[in-house]
Amino acid sequence: MNVFFIIVSVFLLLNIALGLFRVWRGPTIADRLLTTQLFGTTGMAILIVLAGYLQELTLLNVAITFNVLAILLVIGLVKVWKIKKGDTP
């Protein structure tokens, strides 16, 4: 079972690395906005995997909190993006 958790963790970390590449190279702001959502979701997935491996239910609460904060961050970034474009918020 430890091999499963290692494989999933490595996959999720590679997912974050690819997301960092997209933030760096992203041709549009929309790419960068979607990547911030990816970071929140992947961070939540990493915490859920750790909660399963360590049998620690507190990490599930932290994962849910991070996910809510990631959603709020994306909403805020979209509002700033609209204001920069000149659209009415």
N, C-alpha and C. Protein backbone atom coordinates (compact mmCIF):
# COMPACT_ATOMS: atom_id res chain seq x y z
N MET A 1 0.82 -1.20 0.00
CA MET A 1 0.00 0.00 0.00
C MET A 1 0.86 1.26 0.00
N ASN A 2 2.06 1.18 0.57
CA ASN A 2 2.94 2.35 0.58
C ASN A 2 3.33 2.76 -0.83
N VAL A 3 3.49 1.79 -1.72
CA VAL A 3 3.86 2.10 -3.10
C VAL A 3 2.76 2.91 -3.77
N PHE A 4 1.51 2.58 -3.49
CA PHE A 4 0.39 3.32 -4.05
C PHE A 4 0.44 4.79 -3.66
N PHE A 5 0.65 5.05 -2.37
CA PHE A 5 0.70 6.42 -1.89
C PHE A 5 1.89 7.18 -2.49
N ILE A 6 3.00 6.51 -2.68
CA ILE A 6 4.17 7.15 -3.28
C ILE A 6 3.89 7.50 -4.73
N ILE A 7 3.30 6.58 -5.47
CA ILE A 7 3.00 6.83 -6.88
C ILE A 7 2.01 7.99 -7.03
N VAL A 8 0.98 8.00 -6.22
CA VAL A 8 -0.02 9.08 -6.29
C VAL A 8 0.62 10.41 -5.91
N SER A 9 1.46 10.42 -4.88
CA SER A 9 2.11 11.66 -4.45
C SER A 9 3.04 12.20 -5.53
N VAL A 10 3.80 11.32 -6.17
CA VAL A 10 4.70 11.76 -7.24
C VAL A 10 3.90 12.31 -8.41
N PHE A 11 2.79 11.66 -8.75
CA PHE A 11 1.94 12.17 -9.83
C PHE A 11 1.41 13.56 -9.52
N LEU A 12 0.97 13.77 -8.29
CA LEU A 12 0.42 15.07 -7.91
C LEU A 12 1.50 16.15 -7.89
N LEU A 13 2.70 15.80 -7.45
CA LEU A 13 3.79 16.76 -7.46
C LEU A 13 4.21 17.11 -8.89
N LEU A 14 4.18 16.14 -9.79
CA LEU A 14 4.45 16.42 -11.20
C LEU A 14 3.37 17.33 -11.78
N ASN A 15 2.15 17.13 -11.33
CA ASN A 15 1.05 17.98 -11.77
C ASN A 15 1.30 19.43 -11.37
N ILE A 16 1.78 19.65 -10.16
CA ILE A 16 2.10 21.00 -9.71
C ILE A 16 3.27 21.57 -10.50
N ALA A 17 4.27 20.73 -10.80
CA ALA A 17 5.42 21.20 -11.58
C ALA A 17 4.98 21.64 -12.98
N LEU A 18 4.10 20.88 -13.60
CA LEU A 18 3.59 21.28 -14.91
C LEU A 18 2.76 22.56 -14.81
N GLY A 19 2.05 22.71 -13.70
CA GLY A 19 1.29 23.94 -13.48
C GLY A 19 2.21 25.15 -13.34
N LEU A 20 3.33 24.98 -12.66
CA LEU A 20 4.30 26.07 -12.54
C LEU A 20 4.85 26.46 -13.91
N PHE A 21 5.06 25.47 -14.75
CA PHE A 21 5.51 25.75 -16.11
C PHE A 21 4.46 26.56 -16.86
N ARG A 22 3.19 26.22 -16.67
CA ARG A 22 2.12 26.95 -17.35
C ARG A 22 2.02 28.38 -16.83
N VAL A 23 2.24 28.58 -15.53
CA VAL A 23 2.22 29.94 -14.99
C VAL A 23 3.37 30.75 -15.60
N TRP A 24 4.51 30.13 -15.73
CA TRP A 24 5.68 30.82 -16.26
C TRP A 24 5.52 31.13 -17.74
N ARG A 25 5.02 30.17 -18.52
CA ARG A 25 4.94 30.32 -19.96
C ARG A 25 3.56 30.72 -20.47
N GLY A 26 2.57 30.74 -19.58
CA GLY A 26 1.19 30.97 -20.02
C GLY A 26 1.04 32.21 -20.88
N PRO A 27 0.53 32.04 -22.09
CA PRO A 27 0.42 33.20 -22.97
C PRO A 27 -0.68 34.17 -22.54
N THR A 28 -1.68 33.69 -21.83
CA THR A 28 -2.77 34.58 -21.42
C THR A 28 -2.96 34.54 -19.92
N ILE A 29 -3.65 35.54 -19.44
CA ILE A 29 -3.95 35.59 -18.01
C ILE A 29 -4.91 34.47 -17.63
N ALA A 30 -5.77 34.07 -18.55
CA ALA A 30 -6.72 32.99 -18.27
C ALA A 30 -5.99 31.69 -17.95
N ASP A 31 -4.89 31.43 -18.65
CA ASP A 31 -4.10 30.25 -18.33
C ASP A 31 -3.58 30.30 -16.90
N ARG A 32 -3.13 31.47 -16.52
CA ARG A 32 -2.60 31.62 -15.16
C ARG A 32 -3.70 31.50 -14.12
N LEU A 33 -4.89 31.99 -14.43
CA LEU A 33 -6.01 31.87 -13.49
C LEU A 33 -6.41 30.41 -13.30
N LEU A 34 -6.48 29.68 -14.40
CA LEU A 34 -6.83 28.27 -14.28
C LEU A 34 -5.77 27.48 -13.53
N THR A 35 -4.52 27.90 -13.66
CA THR A 35 -3.45 27.21 -12.95
C THR A 35 -3.55 27.45 -11.45
N THR A 36 -3.99 28.64 -11.04
CA THR A 36 -4.17 28.85 -9.60
C THR A 36 -5.24 27.91 -9.05
N GLN A 37 -6.27 27.66 -9.81
CA GLN A 37 -7.29 26.71 -9.39
C GLN A 37 -6.70 25.29 -9.34
N LEU A 38 -5.84 24.99 -10.30
CA LEU A 38 -5.17 23.69 -10.31
C LEU A 38 -4.32 23.50 -9.06
N PHE A 39 -3.62 24.55 -8.64
CA PHE A 39 -2.80 24.45 -7.43
C PHE A 39 -3.66 24.16 -6.20
N GLY A 40 -4.79 24.83 -6.10
CA GLY A 40 -5.66 24.59 -4.96
C GLY A 40 -6.22 23.18 -4.95
N THR A 41 -6.63 22.70 -6.10
CA THR A 41 -7.20 21.36 -6.19
C THR A 41 -6.13 20.29 -5.96
N THR A 42 -4.95 20.50 -6.53
CA THR A 42 -3.88 19.52 -6.35
C THR A 42 -3.38 19.53 -4.91
N GLY A 43 -3.29 20.70 -4.31
CA GLY A 43 -2.91 20.77 -2.90
C GLY A 43 -3.90 20.04 -2.01
N MET A 44 -5.17 20.18 -2.33
CA MET A 44 -6.20 19.45 -1.58
C MET A 44 -6.03 17.95 -1.78
N ALA A 45 -5.74 17.53 -3.00
CA ALA A 45 -5.55 16.09 -3.27
C ALA A 45 -4.35 15.55 -2.52
N ILE A 46 -3.27 16.32 -2.45
CA ILE A 46 -2.09 15.87 -1.70
C ILE A 46 -2.43 15.71 -0.23
N LEU A 47 -3.17 16.65 0.33
CA LEU A 47 -3.56 16.53 1.73
C LEU A 47 -4.49 15.34 1.97
N ILE A 48 -5.36 15.04 1.02
CA ILE A 48 -6.24 13.88 1.18
C ILE A 48 -5.44 12.59 1.13
N VAL A 49 -4.45 12.53 0.25
CA VAL A 49 -3.59 11.34 0.19
C VAL A 49 -2.81 11.19 1.49
N LEU A 50 -2.29 12.31 2.01
CA LEU A 50 -1.58 12.25 3.29
C LEU A 50 -2.50 11.83 4.42
N ALA A 51 -3.74 12.30 4.40
CA ALA A 51 -4.70 11.92 5.43
C ALA A 51 -4.96 10.41 5.38
N GLY A 52 -5.05 9.86 4.18
CA GLY A 52 -5.24 8.41 4.07
C GLY A 52 -4.03 7.63 4.51
N TYR A 53 -2.86 8.13 4.19
CA TYR A 53 -1.63 7.42 4.55
C TYR A 53 -1.36 7.49 6.06
N LEU A 54 -1.55 8.67 6.64
CA LEU A 54 -1.24 8.87 8.05
C LEU A 54 -2.43 8.54 8.97
N GLN A 55 -3.59 8.25 8.38
CA GLN A 55 -4.82 8.00 9.16
C GLN A 55 -5.14 9.18 10.08
N GLU A 56 -4.98 10.40 9.54
CA GLU A 56 -5.20 11.63 10.29
C GLU A 56 -6.35 12.40 9.67
N LEU A 57 -7.50 12.41 10.35
CA LEU A 57 -8.69 13.05 9.79
C LEU A 57 -8.62 14.57 9.82
N THR A 58 -7.74 15.13 10.63
CA THR A 58 -7.61 16.58 10.69
C THR A 58 -7.14 17.15 9.35
N LEU A 59 -6.35 16.40 8.63
CA LEU A 59 -5.86 16.86 7.33
C LEU A 59 -7.00 17.02 6.32
N LEU A 60 -8.08 16.29 6.50
CA LEU A 60 -9.23 16.46 5.61
C LEU A 60 -9.86 17.84 5.81
N ASN A 61 -9.94 18.30 7.05
CA ASN A 61 -10.47 19.64 7.31
C ASN A 61 -9.58 20.71 6.71
N VAL A 62 -8.27 20.51 6.81
CA VAL A 62 -7.33 21.46 6.22
C VAL A 62 -7.49 21.47 4.70
N ALA A 63 -7.68 20.30 4.10
CA ALA A 63 -7.84 20.20 2.64
C ALA A 63 -9.09 20.95 2.18
N ILE A 64 -10.18 20.79 2.91
CA ILE A 64 -11.41 21.49 2.54
C ILE A 64 -11.23 23.00 2.68
N THR A 65 -10.54 23.43 3.73
CA THR A 65 -10.29 24.86 3.93
C THR A 65 -9.44 25.42 2.79
N PHE A 66 -8.40 24.70 2.40
CA PHE A 66 -7.56 25.15 1.28
C PHE A 66 -8.36 25.24 -0.01
N ASN A 67 -9.26 24.31 -0.22
CA ASN A 67 -10.06 24.33 -1.44
C ASN A 67 -10.98 25.55 -1.47
N VAL A 68 -11.60 25.87 -0.35
CA VAL A 68 -12.47 27.05 -0.29
C VAL A 68 -11.64 28.32 -0.53
N LEU A 69 -10.44 28.38 0.06
CA LEU A 69 -9.59 29.54 -0.15
C LEU A 69 -9.14 29.65 -1.61
N ALA A 70 -8.89 28.53 -2.26
CA ALA A 70 -8.50 28.56 -3.68
C ALA A 70 -9.65 29.08 -4.54
N ILE A 71 -10.86 28.69 -4.22
CA ILE A 71 -12.02 29.17 -4.97
C ILE A 71 -12.18 30.68 -4.78
N LEU A 72 -12.03 31.16 -3.55
CA LEU A 72 -12.13 32.59 -3.29
C LEU A 72 -11.02 33.37 -4.00
N LEU A 73 -9.83 32.79 -4.07
CA LEU A 73 -8.73 33.43 -4.77
C LEU A 73 -9.03 33.58 -6.25
N VAL A 74 -9.57 32.55 -6.85
CA VAL A 74 -9.89 32.61 -8.28
C VAL A 74 -10.98 33.64 -8.53
N ILE A 75 -11.97 33.70 -7.68
CA ILE A 75 -13.03 34.71 -7.84
C ILE A 75 -12.44 36.11 -7.76
N GLY A 76 -11.55 36.33 -6.80
CA GLY A 76 -10.91 37.64 -6.68
C GLY A 76 -10.05 37.98 -7.88
N LEU A 77 -9.30 37.02 -8.38
CA LEU A 77 -8.45 37.26 -9.54
C LEU A 77 -9.27 37.55 -10.80
N VAL A 78 -10.40 36.88 -10.95
CA VAL A 78 -11.26 37.14 -12.10
C VAL A 78 -11.83 38.55 -12.02
N LYS A 79 -12.21 39.00 -10.83
CA LYS A 79 -12.72 40.35 -10.69
C LYS A 79 -11.65 41.39 -11.03
N VAL A 80 -10.42 41.16 -10.59
CA VAL A 80 -9.33 42.08 -10.91
C VAL A 80 -9.06 42.06 -12.41
N TRP A 81 -9.12 40.90 -13.02
CA TRP A 81 -8.89 40.76 -14.45
C TRP A 81 -9.94 41.53 -15.25
N LYS A 82 -11.20 41.44 -14.81
CA LYS A 82 -12.27 42.17 -15.49
C LYS A 82 -12.07 43.67 -15.37
N ILE A 83 -11.64 44.13 -14.21
CA ILE A 83 -11.42 45.56 -14.02
C ILE A 83 -10.27 46.04 -14.91
N LYS A 84 -9.21 45.24 -15.03
CA LYS A 84 -8.08 45.60 -15.89
C LYS A 84 -8.50 45.66 -17.36
N LYS A 85 -9.39 44.76 -17.77
CA LYS A 85 -9.84 44.75 -19.17
C LYS A 85 -10.78 45.91 -19.46
N GLY A 86 -11.37 46.49 -18.44
CA GLY A 86 -12.29 47.60 -18.65
C GLY A 86 -13.74 47.17 -18.59
N ASP A 87 -14.02 45.90 -18.31
CA ASP A 87 -15.40 45.44 -18.18
C ASP A 87 -15.94 45.90 -16.85
N THR A 88 -17.25 46.05 -16.78
CA THR A 88 -17.85 46.41 -15.50
C THR A 88 -17.95 45.16 -14.64
N PRO A 89 -17.53 45.25 -13.39
CA PRO A 89 -17.56 44.06 -12.51
C PRO A 89 -18.95 43.65 -12.10
